[in-house]
């Protein structure tokens, strides 16, 4: 028979905390509105170039895995080497990899 007593205590506590929590929420909403947190920043050109080079490397790896031990393995391996070289060049160009 302790459940009704606990519910009464929780109800009283909730009524006492409601105004405090309300003020905290309003203050946080005002802070967020002042900060104007609408969208995350877009990636810059360097990140876009590097990610495109990464995608090309991934495609070349996939192509090599599909052609392994077959007729197109040599050309797939060369394409992978070129894509990896281009990725390294893009990263060095944007200062993301030591020379």
C-alpha atoms as a PDB file:
ATOM      1  CA  UNK A   1       0.000   0.000   0.000  1.00  0.00           C
ATOM      2  CA  UNK A   2       2.940   2.321  -0.476  1.00  0.00           C
ATOM      3  CA  UNK A   3       2.156   2.996  -4.147  1.00  0.00           C
ATOM      4  CA  UNK A   4      -0.485   5.721  -3.479  1.00  0.00           C
ATOM      5  CA  UNK A   5       1.919   7.515  -1.116  1.00  0.00           C
ATOM      6  CA  UNK A   6       4.708   7.387  -3.715  1.00  0.00           C
ATOM      7  CA  UNK A   7       2.371   8.724  -6.410  1.00  0.00           C
ATOM      8  CA  UNK A   8       1.392  11.635  -4.140  1.00  0.00           C
ATOM      9  CA  UNK A   9       5.041  12.454  -3.479  1.00  0.00           C
ATOM     10  CA  UNK A  10       5.892  12.272  -7.193  1.00  0.00           C
ATOM     11  CA  UNK A  11       2.913  14.474  -8.037  1.00  0.00           C
ATOM     12  CA  UNK A  12       3.943  17.125  -5.506  1.00  0.00           C
ATOM     13  CA  UNK A  13       7.530  17.007  -6.699  1.00  0.00           C
ATOM     14  CA  UNK A  14       6.452  17.321 -10.330  1.00  0.00           C
ATOM     15  CA  UNK A  15       4.321  20.399  -9.512  1.00  0.00           C
ATOM     16  CA  UNK A  16       7.251  22.019  -7.707  1.00  0.00           C
ATOM     17  CA  UNK A  17       9.732  21.260 -10.501  1.00  0.00           C
ATOM     18  CA  UNK A  18       7.497  22.277 -13.425  1.00  0.00           C
ATOM     19  CA  UNK A  19       8.145  26.061 -13.193  1.00  0.00           C
ATOM     20  CA  UNK A  20      11.895  25.533 -12.774  1.00  0.00           C
ATOM     21  CA  UNK A  21      12.122  23.171 -15.726  1.00  0.00           C
ATOM     22  CA  UNK A  22       9.951  25.518 -17.803  1.00  0.00           C
ATOM     23  CA  UNK A  23      12.324  28.428 -17.151  1.00  0.00           C
ATOM     24  CA  UNK A  24      15.341  26.278 -18.026  1.00  0.00           C
ATOM     25  CA  UNK A  25      13.731  25.179 -21.289  1.00  0.00           C
ATOM     26  CA  UNK A  26      12.796  28.733 -22.260  1.00  0.00           C
ATOM     27  CA  UNK A  27      16.334  29.929 -21.533  1.00  0.00           C
ATOM     28  CA  UNK A  28      17.792  27.138 -23.684  1.00  0.00           C
ATOM     29  CA  UNK A  29      15.377  27.921 -26.525  1.00  0.00           C
ATOM     30  CA  UNK A  30      16.386  31.579 -26.409  1.00  0.00           C
ATOM     31  CA  UNK A  31      20.070  30.631 -26.416  1.00  0.00           C
ATOM     32  CA  UNK A  32      19.627  28.384 -29.444  1.00  0.00           C
ATOM     33  CA  UNK A  33      17.608  31.009 -31.282  1.00  0.00           C
ATOM     34  CA  UNK A  34      20.320  33.591 -30.594  1.00  0.00           C
ATOM     35  CA  UNK A  35      23.012  31.228 -31.868  1.00  0.00           C
ATOM     36  CA  UNK A  36      20.981  30.577 -35.041  1.00  0.00           C
ATOM     37  CA  UNK A  37      21.862  26.893 -35.207  1.00  0.00           C
ATOM     38  CA  UNK A  38      20.000  26.128 -38.427  1.00  0.00           C
ATOM     39  CA  UNK A  39      22.229  24.014 -40.610  1.00  0.00           C
ATOM     40  CA  UNK A  40      25.597  22.384 -40.242  1.00  0.00           C
ATOM     41  CA  UNK A  41      28.323  24.107 -42.247  1.00  0.00           C
ATOM     42  CA  UNK A  42      28.865  22.847 -45.776  1.00  0.00           C
ATOM     43  CA  UNK A  43      32.043  21.052 -46.688  1.00  0.00           C
ATOM     44  CA  UNK A  44      34.613  23.250 -48.353  1.00  0.00           C
ATOM     45  CA  UNK A  45      36.172  22.635 -51.767  1.00  0.00           C
ATOM     46  CA  UNK A  46      39.121  20.747 -50.289  1.00  0.00           C
ATOM     47  CA  UNK A  47      36.853  18.219 -48.587  1.00  0.00           C
ATOM     48  CA  UNK A  48      34.786  17.831 -51.761  1.00  0.00           C
ATOM     49  CA  UNK A  49      37.921  17.180 -53.868  1.00  0.00           C
ATOM     50  CA  UNK A  50      39.306  14.656 -51.388  1.00  0.00           C
ATOM     51  CA  UNK A  51      35.997  12.817 -51.055  1.00  0.00           C
ATOM     52  CA  UNK A  52      35.629  12.567 -54.841  1.00  0.00           C
ATOM     53  CA  UNK A  53      39.137  11.097 -55.054  1.00  0.00           C
ATOM     54  CA  UNK A  54      38.230   8.629 -52.282  1.00  0.00           C
ATOM     55  CA  UNK A  55      35.141   7.546 -54.207  1.00  0.00           C
ATOM     56  CA  UNK A  56      37.267   6.937 -57.302  1.00  0.00           C
ATOM     57  CA  UNK A  57      39.673   4.791 -55.270  1.00  0.00           C
ATOM     58  CA  UNK A  58      36.763   2.787 -53.863  1.00  0.00           C
ATOM     59  CA  UNK A  59      35.360   2.193 -57.351  1.00  0.00           C
ATOM     60  CA  UNK A  60      38.796   1.096 -58.573  1.00  0.00           C
ATOM     61  CA  UNK A  61      39.135  -1.354 -55.668  1.00  0.00           C
ATOM     62  CA  UNK A  62      35.697  -2.781 -56.431  1.00  0.00           C
ATOM     63  CA  UNK A  63      36.606  -3.152 -60.093  1.00  0.00           C
ATOM     64  CA  UNK A  64      39.860  -4.918 -59.177  1.00  0.00           C
ATOM     65  CA  UNK A  65      38.089  -7.304 -56.812  1.00  0.00           C
ATOM     66  CA  UNK A  66      35.584  -8.196 -59.526  1.00  0.00           C
ATOM     67  CA  UNK A  67      38.280  -8.736 -62.151  1.00  0.00           C
ATOM     68  CA  UNK A  68      40.699 -10.616 -59.913  1.00  0.00           C
ATOM     69  CA  UNK A  69      42.337 -13.570 -61.646  1.00  0.00           C
ATOM     70  CA  UNK A  70      40.473 -12.750 -64.824  1.00  0.00           C
ATOM     71  CA  UNK A  71      41.024 -10.915 -68.074  1.00  0.00           C
ATOM     72  CA  UNK A  72      40.582  -7.383 -66.720  1.00  0.00           C
ATOM     73  CA  UNK A  73      42.833  -7.691 -63.692  1.00  0.00           C
ATOM     74  CA  UNK A  74      45.819  -5.841 -65.140  1.00  0.00           C
ATOM     75  CA  UNK A  75      43.809  -2.827 -66.294  1.00  0.00           C
ATOM     76  CA  UNK A  76      41.878  -2.775 -63.008  1.00  0.00           C
ATOM     77  CA  UNK A  77      45.137  -2.814 -61.035  1.00  0.00           C
ATOM     78  CA  UNK A  78      46.502   0.075 -63.113  1.00  0.00           C
ATOM     79  CA  UNK A  79      43.263   2.027 -62.606  1.00  0.00           C
ATOM     80  CA  UNK A  80      43.551   1.493 -58.855  1.00  0.00           C
ATOM     81  CA  UNK A  81      47.153   2.703 -58.827  1.00  0.00           C
ATOM     82  CA  UNK A  82      46.155   5.823 -60.768  1.00  0.00           C
ATOM     83  CA  UNK A  83      43.191   6.530 -58.480  1.00  0.00           C
ATOM     84  CA  UNK A  84      45.376   6.119 -55.381  1.00  0.00           C
ATOM     85  CA  UNK A  85      47.987   8.447 -56.886  1.00  0.00           C
ATOM     86  CA  UNK A  86      45.290  11.029 -57.672  1.00  0.00           C
ATOM     87  CA  UNK A  87      43.954  10.786 -54.112  1.00  0.00           C
ATOM     88  CA  UNK A  88      47.434  11.397 -52.719  1.00  0.00           C
ATOM     89  CA  UNK A  89      47.865  14.385 -55.018  1.00  0.00           C
ATOM     90  CA  UNK A  90      44.521  15.863 -53.943  1.00  0.00           C
ATOM     91  CA  UNK A  91      45.366  15.432 -50.262  1.00  0.00           C
ATOM     92  CA  UNK A  92      48.815  17.000 -50.655  1.00  0.00           C
ATOM     93  CA  UNK A  93      47.299  19.863 -52.665  1.00  0.00           C
ATOM     94  CA  UNK A  94      44.965  20.727 -49.809  1.00  0.00           C
ATOM     95  CA  UNK A  95      47.558  20.184 -47.074  1.00  0.00           C
ATOM     96  CA  UNK A  96      45.956  17.075 -45.627  1.00  0.00           C
ATOM     97  CA  UNK A  97      48.939  14.787 -46.197  1.00  0.00           C
ATOM     98  CA  UNK A  98      52.669  15.355 -45.738  1.00  0.00           C
ATOM     99  CA  UNK A  99      54.707  15.633 -48.913  1.00  0.00           C
END
